[in-house]
Amino acid sequence: MVVGTQDPPGLRFYVNAWLLAARPITLSAAVVPVLLGTGLAGKAGHFDVLLFILALTGAVFIQVGTNLADEYTDHRNPNAENKYPAPHKVIERGLLSEQSILYGIGLSFALSTAIGLFLTIQVGWPILVVGIFSILAGYSHSSGPYPLGHHLLGEITVFVFMGPLIVLASYYVQIQELLWSTFWVSLPVAFLVTAILQCNNLRDREDDKAVMKHTFATLLPLPAGRYVYFLLIFGAYGTLLLNTLFGVLPFLTLVSFATLPKAYSLSLSLWRANSRINYNVILVGTAKLHMYFGSLFVVGVIGDTLLRS
């Protein structure tokens, strides 16, 4: 045995590295709206298992591709060495190469495109349009000649694409029609997923200002940026309540209010946050809040359907 040699990384090493790069904590942003759109279609009497699985898988691949594109672009940024080496920064930490991440981006978007084409054959051209724009938005959020997330468009893009658009698309896959009520129902999810981004941007506020990256967090005073987070968090509960009061949603969906104490705790923590570590804890908590709120929301929709059947 030669002294000083080291065994090559095994399968577990690469699985863990790719899981870090995919950022599993963010994937609820794709899963929850697909579940919600599908649940609403099921409430209307339409549910196809295969179409649901494909829609969910396609959405997840778009989210993974977006995360990998962000990883690659962030690493290639000339100011990358000045940024905090977060756990998911797999290139910076030497876990995966730039070339591997590029392959991952291509594979993720290729698989989502293939799924989108199959769904288009099954349910019609609107899904192709949604798929194309979703992939473009995912890639352009942090990459390309005009990164949306650098020009005050990241928050708007996330709100639209990870809220109304994906809920409406998931509903359309099952039932091939669009309703205004589905749009209103998607708003609570849209508010919460945008709150995740707002927390992320508040954490990176000083770094982003240094490189002239424009977000709501950099353009507003810090207290105002925190108020935006509060409005997004409690906007989710407000729009859910309004949807139930106006009869758009069954009252059983108010089960999501069980997460309100967590939302209140996160808001207090954000107001007091003064370090990257604080913001990281709140960021993970906000992602989990989105997942818990969204899961209970879907349970309420499906539960009401089962009770009425």
Protein backbone atom coordinates (compact mmCIF):
# COMPACT_ATOMS: atom_id res chain seq x y z
CA MET A 1 0.00 0.00 0.00
CA VAL A 2 1.42 3.36 -1.02
CA VAL A 3 1.53 5.90 1.81
CA GLY A 4 -0.34 9.12 1.10
CA THR A 5 -2.69 7.75 -1.55
CA GLN A 6 -6.41 8.16 -1.17
CA ASP A 7 -9.23 6.01 -2.47
CA PRO A 8 -11.39 7.66 -5.14
CA PRO A 9 -14.78 8.94 -3.99
CA GLY A 10 -17.47 6.28 -3.92
CA LEU A 11 -21.11 6.26 -4.96
CA ARG A 12 -22.30 7.62 -1.62
CA PHE A 13 -19.99 10.63 -1.99
CA TYR A 14 -21.45 11.55 -5.38
CA VAL A 15 -25.05 10.94 -4.31
CA ASN A 16 -24.56 13.27 -1.36
CA ALA A 17 -22.82 15.86 -3.55
CA TRP A 18 -25.64 15.87 -6.10
CA LEU A 19 -28.24 16.07 -3.35
CA LEU A 20 -26.48 19.14 -1.99
CA ALA A 21 -26.36 20.67 -5.47
CA ALA A 22 -30.06 19.94 -6.09
CA ARG A 23 -30.96 21.73 -2.80
CA PRO A 24 -33.77 19.41 -1.63
CA ILE A 25 -35.10 22.01 0.81
CA THR A 26 -36.18 24.13 -2.20
CA LEU A 27 -38.02 21.36 -4.03
CA SER A 28 -41.27 21.89 -2.13
CA ALA A 29 -41.51 25.08 -4.20
CA ALA A 30 -42.21 22.81 -7.20
CA VAL A 31 -44.01 19.96 -5.45
CA VAL A 32 -46.63 21.89 -3.45
CA PRO A 33 -48.20 23.84 -6.36
CA VAL A 34 -48.42 20.69 -8.50
CA LEU A 35 -50.15 18.88 -5.65
CA LEU A 36 -52.51 21.81 -5.19
CA GLY A 37 -53.42 22.11 -8.88
CA THR A 38 -53.93 18.35 -9.12
CA GLY A 39 -55.99 18.32 -5.91
CA LEU A 40 -58.27 21.04 -7.27
CA ALA A 41 -58.74 19.03 -10.47
CA GLY A 42 -59.54 15.94 -8.38
CA LYS A 43 -62.14 17.98 -6.50
CA ALA A 44 -63.70 18.72 -9.89
CA GLY A 45 -63.76 14.99 -10.66
CA HIS A 46 -60.64 14.62 -12.82
CA PHE A 47 -57.51 12.73 -11.80
CA ASP A 48 -55.07 10.81 -14.00
CA VAL A 49 -52.21 9.22 -12.06
CA LEU A 50 -49.75 9.10 -14.96
CA LEU A 51 -50.32 12.75 -15.91
CA PHE A 52 -49.89 13.76 -12.27
CA ILE A 53 -46.60 11.86 -11.91
CA LEU A 54 -45.26 13.37 -15.13
CA ALA A 55 -46.31 16.91 -14.21
CA LEU A 56 -44.71 16.55 -10.77
CA THR A 57 -41.49 15.07 -12.17
CA GLY A 58 -41.22 17.74 -14.85
CA ALA A 59 -41.69 20.53 -12.30
CA VAL A 60 -39.05 19.05 -10.01
CA PHE A 61 -36.53 18.76 -12.86
CA ILE A 62 -37.09 22.41 -13.77
CA GLN A 63 -36.45 23.39 -10.15
CA VAL A 64 -33.30 21.26 -9.99
CA GLY A 65 -32.06 22.71 -13.28
CA THR A 66 -32.67 26.20 -11.92
CA ASN A 67 -30.71 25.42 -8.76
CA LEU A 68 -27.80 23.98 -10.73
CA ALA A 69 -27.77 26.97 -13.09
CA ASP A 70 -27.62 29.26 -10.05
CA GLU A 71 -24.73 27.21 -8.64
CA TYR A 72 -22.77 27.40 -11.90
CA THR A 73 -23.40 31.10 -12.50
CA ASP A 74 -22.63 32.04 -8.91
CA HIS A 75 -19.33 30.17 -9.08
CA ARG A 76 -18.34 31.84 -12.35
CA ASN A 77 -19.08 35.29 -10.92
CA PRO A 78 -15.82 37.27 -10.55
CA ASN A 79 -16.88 38.15 -7.00
CA ALA A 80 -17.62 34.53 -6.03
CA GLU A 81 -14.54 34.29 -3.82
CA ASN A 82 -15.97 36.99 -1.58
CA LYS A 83 -19.24 35.16 -0.97
CA TYR A 84 -19.94 32.89 1.94
CA PRO A 85 -19.30 29.21 0.97
CA ALA A 86 -22.79 27.81 1.67
CA PRO A 87 -23.12 23.99 1.98
CA HIS A 88 -24.76 23.71 -1.44
CA LYS A 89 -21.83 25.44 -3.17
CA VAL A 90 -20.49 22.12 -4.43
CA ILE A 91 -18.09 23.57 -7.01
CA GLU A 92 -16.47 25.95 -4.53
CA ARG A 93 -16.12 23.11 -2.01
CA GLY A 94 -14.55 20.82 -4.62
CA LEU A 95 -17.33 18.23 -4.47
CA LEU A 96 -18.32 18.49 -8.15
CA SER A 97 -16.67 20.08 -11.18
CA GLU A 98 -18.04 22.91 -13.30
CA GLN A 99 -18.39 20.47 -16.19
CA SER A 100 -20.45 18.08 -14.06
CA ILE A 101 -22.83 20.87 -13.07
CA LEU A 102 -23.19 21.89 -16.72
CA TYR A 103 -24.11 18.31 -17.60
CA GLY A 104 -26.59 18.34 -14.72
CA ILE A 105 -28.21 21.53 -16.00
CA GLY A 106 -28.53 20.10 -19.50
CA LEU A 107 -29.92 16.77 -18.27
CA SER A 108 -32.45 18.39 -15.92
CA PHE A 109 -33.85 20.73 -18.54
CA ALA A 110 -33.73 18.01 -21.24
CA LEU A 111 -35.78 15.63 -19.09
CA SER A 112 -38.30 18.34 -18.21
CA THR A 113 -38.56 19.19 -21.92
CA ALA A 114 -39.17 15.55 -22.86
CA ILE A 115 -41.88 15.29 -20.22
CA GLY A 116 -43.40 18.54 -21.42
CA LEU A 117 -43.54 17.29 -25.01
CA PHE A 118 -45.28 14.10 -23.93
CA LEU A 119 -47.81 16.07 -21.89
CA THR A 120 -48.35 18.38 -24.86
CA ILE A 121 -49.27 15.38 -27.03
CA GLN A 122 -51.68 14.23 -24.35
CA VAL A 123 -53.41 17.48 -23.34
CA GLY A 124 -52.57 20.20 -25.87
CA TRP A 125 -50.24 23.03 -26.80
CA PRO A 126 -50.77 25.32 -23.75
CA ILE A 127 -48.59 22.98 -21.70
CA LEU A 128 -45.79 23.34 -24.26
CA VAL A 129 -45.95 27.13 -23.90
CA VAL A 130 -45.90 26.92 -20.10
CA GLY A 131 -43.00 24.46 -20.19
CA ILE A 132 -40.88 26.61 -22.51
CA PHE A 133 -41.41 29.76 -20.47
CA SER A 134 -40.82 27.89 -17.20
CA ILE A 135 -37.46 26.55 -18.41
CA LEU A 136 -36.47 29.99 -19.73
CA ALA A 137 -37.48 31.60 -16.44
CA GLY A 138 -35.62 28.97 -14.44
CA TYR A 139 -32.43 29.41 -16.44
CA SER A 140 -32.71 33.19 -16.68
CA HIS A 141 -33.31 33.72 -12.97
CA SER A 142 -29.57 33.88 -12.34
CA SER A 143 -28.01 33.10 -15.72
CA GLY A 144 -27.83 34.41 -19.26
CA PRO A 145 -27.19 37.93 -20.59
CA TYR A 146 -29.94 39.49 -18.42
CA PRO A 147 -30.37 37.56 -15.16
CA LEU A 148 -33.87 38.30 -13.91
CA GLY A 149 -32.86 37.95 -10.28
CA HIS A 150 -30.29 40.76 -10.72
CA HIS A 151 -32.76 43.30 -12.11
CA LEU A 152 -35.64 43.41 -9.63
CA LEU A 153 -37.51 40.70 -11.54
CA GLY A 154 -36.56 37.67 -9.48
CA GLU A 155 -39.30 38.12 -6.90
CA ILE A 156 -41.95 38.73 -9.55
CA THR A 157 -40.81 35.72 -11.59
CA VAL A 158 -40.89 33.40 -8.57
CA PHE A 159 -44.32 34.69 -7.50
CA VAL A 160 -45.83 34.09 -10.94
CA PHE A 161 -44.09 30.88 -12.00
CA MET A 162 -44.03 29.08 -8.64
CA GLY A 163 -47.54 30.20 -7.80
CA PRO A 164 -50.35 30.83 -10.31
CA LEU A 165 -48.63 29.45 -13.41
CA ILE A 166 -47.66 26.04 -12.04
CA VAL A 167 -50.96 25.59 -10.18
CA LEU A 168 -52.96 26.49 -13.30
CA ALA A 169 -50.77 24.25 -15.48
CA SER A 170 -51.16 21.28 -13.11
CA TYR A 171 -54.91 21.83 -13.07
CA TYR A 172 -54.98 22.10 -16.87
CA VAL A 173 -53.03 18.85 -17.29
CA GLN A 174 -55.88 17.02 -15.58
CA ILE A 175 -58.96 18.86 -16.81
CA GLN A 176 -57.91 20.90 -19.90
CA GLU A 177 -59.56 24.11 -18.80
CA LEU A 178 -58.64 27.22 -16.83
CA LEU A 179 -60.69 28.94 -14.16
CA TRP A 180 -60.20 32.24 -12.37
CA SER A 181 -60.94 30.46 -9.11
CA THR A 182 -57.79 28.35 -9.60
CA PHE A 183 -55.78 31.55 -9.93
CA TRP A 184 -57.11 32.95 -6.65
CA VAL A 185 -56.46 29.66 -4.88
CA SER A 186 -52.81 29.73 -5.98
CA LEU A 187 -52.03 33.03 -4.26
CA PRO A 188 -51.26 31.70 -0.75
CA VAL A 189 -48.61 29.39 -2.21
CA ALA A 190 -47.21 32.22 -4.34
CA PHE A 191 -46.85 34.51 -1.32
CA LEU A 192 -45.00 31.91 0.72
CA VAL A 193 -42.57 30.82 -2.00
CA THR A 194 -41.68 34.48 -2.62
CA ALA A 195 -41.09 34.90 1.12
CA ILE A 196 -38.37 32.24 0.83
CA LEU A 197 -36.61 34.32 -1.82
CA GLN A 198 -37.07 37.52 0.17
CA CYS A 199 -35.38 35.93 3.19
CA ASN A 200 -32.55 34.73 0.94
CA ASN A 201 -32.12 38.23 -0.49
CA LEU A 202 -32.15 39.85 2.95
CA ARG A 203 -29.37 37.48 3.98
CA ASP A 204 -27.31 38.40 0.89
CA ARG A 205 -28.24 42.09 0.99
CA GLU A 206 -24.77 43.54 1.53
CA ASP A 207 -23.07 41.13 -0.88
CA ASP A 208 -25.65 41.91 -3.57
CA LYS A 209 -25.35 45.67 -3.08
CA ALA A 210 -21.58 45.39 -3.54
CA VAL A 211 -22.03 43.83 -7.01
CA MET A 212 -24.99 46.05 -8.02
CA LYS A 213 -27.51 43.21 -7.91
CA HIS A 214 -30.96 44.76 -7.63
CA THR A 215 -33.55 43.03 -5.46
CA PHE A 216 -36.31 44.34 -3.23
CA ALA A 217 -33.94 43.73 -0.33
CA THR A 218 -31.14 45.88 -1.77
CA LEU A 219 -33.30 48.75 -3.01
CA LEU A 220 -35.36 49.13 0.18
CA PRO A 221 -34.08 50.09 3.63
CA LEU A 222 -33.53 47.03 5.81
CA PRO A 223 -36.66 47.57 7.96
CA ALA A 224 -38.79 47.92 4.80
CA GLY A 225 -37.29 44.72 3.40
CA ARG A 226 -38.27 42.95 6.57
CA TYR A 227 -41.81 44.31 6.29
CA VAL A 228 -41.98 42.88 2.75
CA TYR A 229 -41.20 39.47 4.25
CA PHE A 230 -43.98 39.93 6.83
CA LEU A 231 -46.48 40.95 4.14
CA LEU A 232 -45.61 37.90 2.06
CA ILE A 233 -45.90 35.51 5.01
CA PHE A 234 -49.18 36.84 6.33
CA GLY A 235 -50.48 37.51 2.82
CA ALA A 236 -50.60 33.72 2.45
CA TYR A 237 -52.93 33.36 5.43
CA GLY A 238 -54.98 36.40 4.43
CA THR A 239 -55.64 35.18 0.89
CA LEU A 240 -56.44 31.68 2.16
CA LEU A 241 -59.01 33.14 4.57
CA LEU A 242 -60.55 35.31 1.84
CA ASN A 243 -60.80 32.32 -0.50
CA THR A 244 -62.75 30.40 2.14
CA LEU A 245 -64.99 33.32 3.11
CA PHE A 246 -65.96 33.88 -0.54
CA GLY A 247 -66.62 30.17 -1.06
CA VAL A 248 -63.74 29.56 -3.47
CA LEU A 249 -62.17 27.06 -1.06
CA PRO A 250 -63.76 24.74 1.50
CA PHE A 251 -63.37 25.72 5.15
CA LEU A 252 -61.40 22.54 5.73
CA THR A 253 -58.41 24.21 4.03
CA LEU A 254 -58.16 26.51 7.06
CA VAL A 255 -56.28 23.62 8.65
CA SER A 256 -53.23 25.39 7.20
CA PHE A 257 -53.66 27.96 9.97
CA ALA A 258 -52.10 25.36 12.26
CA THR A 259 -48.77 26.67 10.92
CA LEU A 260 -49.52 30.26 11.98
CA PRO A 261 -47.48 30.07 15.22
CA LYS A 262 -44.45 28.99 13.15
CA ALA A 263 -45.01 31.90 10.77
CA TYR A 264 -45.20 34.32 13.71
CA SER A 265 -42.02 32.88 15.24
CA LEU A 266 -40.14 33.20 11.94
CA SER A 267 -41.28 36.80 11.53
CA LEU A 268 -40.03 37.74 15.00
CA SER A 269 -36.73 36.00 14.32
CA LEU A 270 -36.32 37.82 11.01
CA TRP A 271 -36.87 41.19 12.65
CA ARG A 272 -34.06 40.45 15.11
CA ALA A 273 -31.71 38.70 12.65
CA ASN A 274 -28.27 40.29 12.50
CA SER A 275 -26.03 37.57 11.08
CA ARG A 276 -25.84 35.19 8.16
CA ILE A 277 -26.32 32.26 10.54
CA ASN A 278 -29.58 33.79 11.81
CA TYR A 279 -30.84 34.30 8.27
CA ASN A 280 -29.87 30.78 7.24
CA VAL A 281 -31.94 29.29 10.06
CA ILE A 282 -34.92 31.49 9.10
CA LEU A 283 -34.47 30.62 5.41
CA VAL A 284 -34.68 26.90 6.12
CA GLY A 285 -37.62 27.54 8.44
CA THR A 286 -39.46 29.52 5.75
CA ALA A 287 -38.95 26.73 3.22
CA LYS A 288 -40.34 24.26 5.75
CA LEU A 289 -43.27 26.59 6.47
CA HIS A 290 -44.06 26.61 2.74
CA MET A 291 -43.98 22.81 2.72
CA TYR A 292 -46.10 22.37 5.89
CA PHE A 293 -48.62 25.07 4.94
CA GLY A 294 -48.90 23.73 1.39
CA SER A 295 -49.24 20.13 2.51
CA LEU A 296 -52.05 20.98 4.93
CA PHE A 297 -53.65 23.11 2.22
CA VAL A 298 -53.71 20.13 -0.14
CA VAL A 299 -54.95 17.84 2.64
CA GLY A 300 -57.83 20.26 3.21
CA VAL A 301 -58.77 20.23 -0.48
CA ILE A 302 -58.57 16.44 -0.79
CA GLY A 303 -60.23 15.88 2.57
CA ASP A 304 -63.22 17.99 1.60
CA THR A 305 -63.48 16.08 -1.67
CA LEU A 306 -63.49 12.75 0.14
CA LEU A 307 -66.06 13.94 2.68
CA ARG A 308 -68.41 15.01 -0.11
CA SER A 309 -67.99 11.87 -2.19
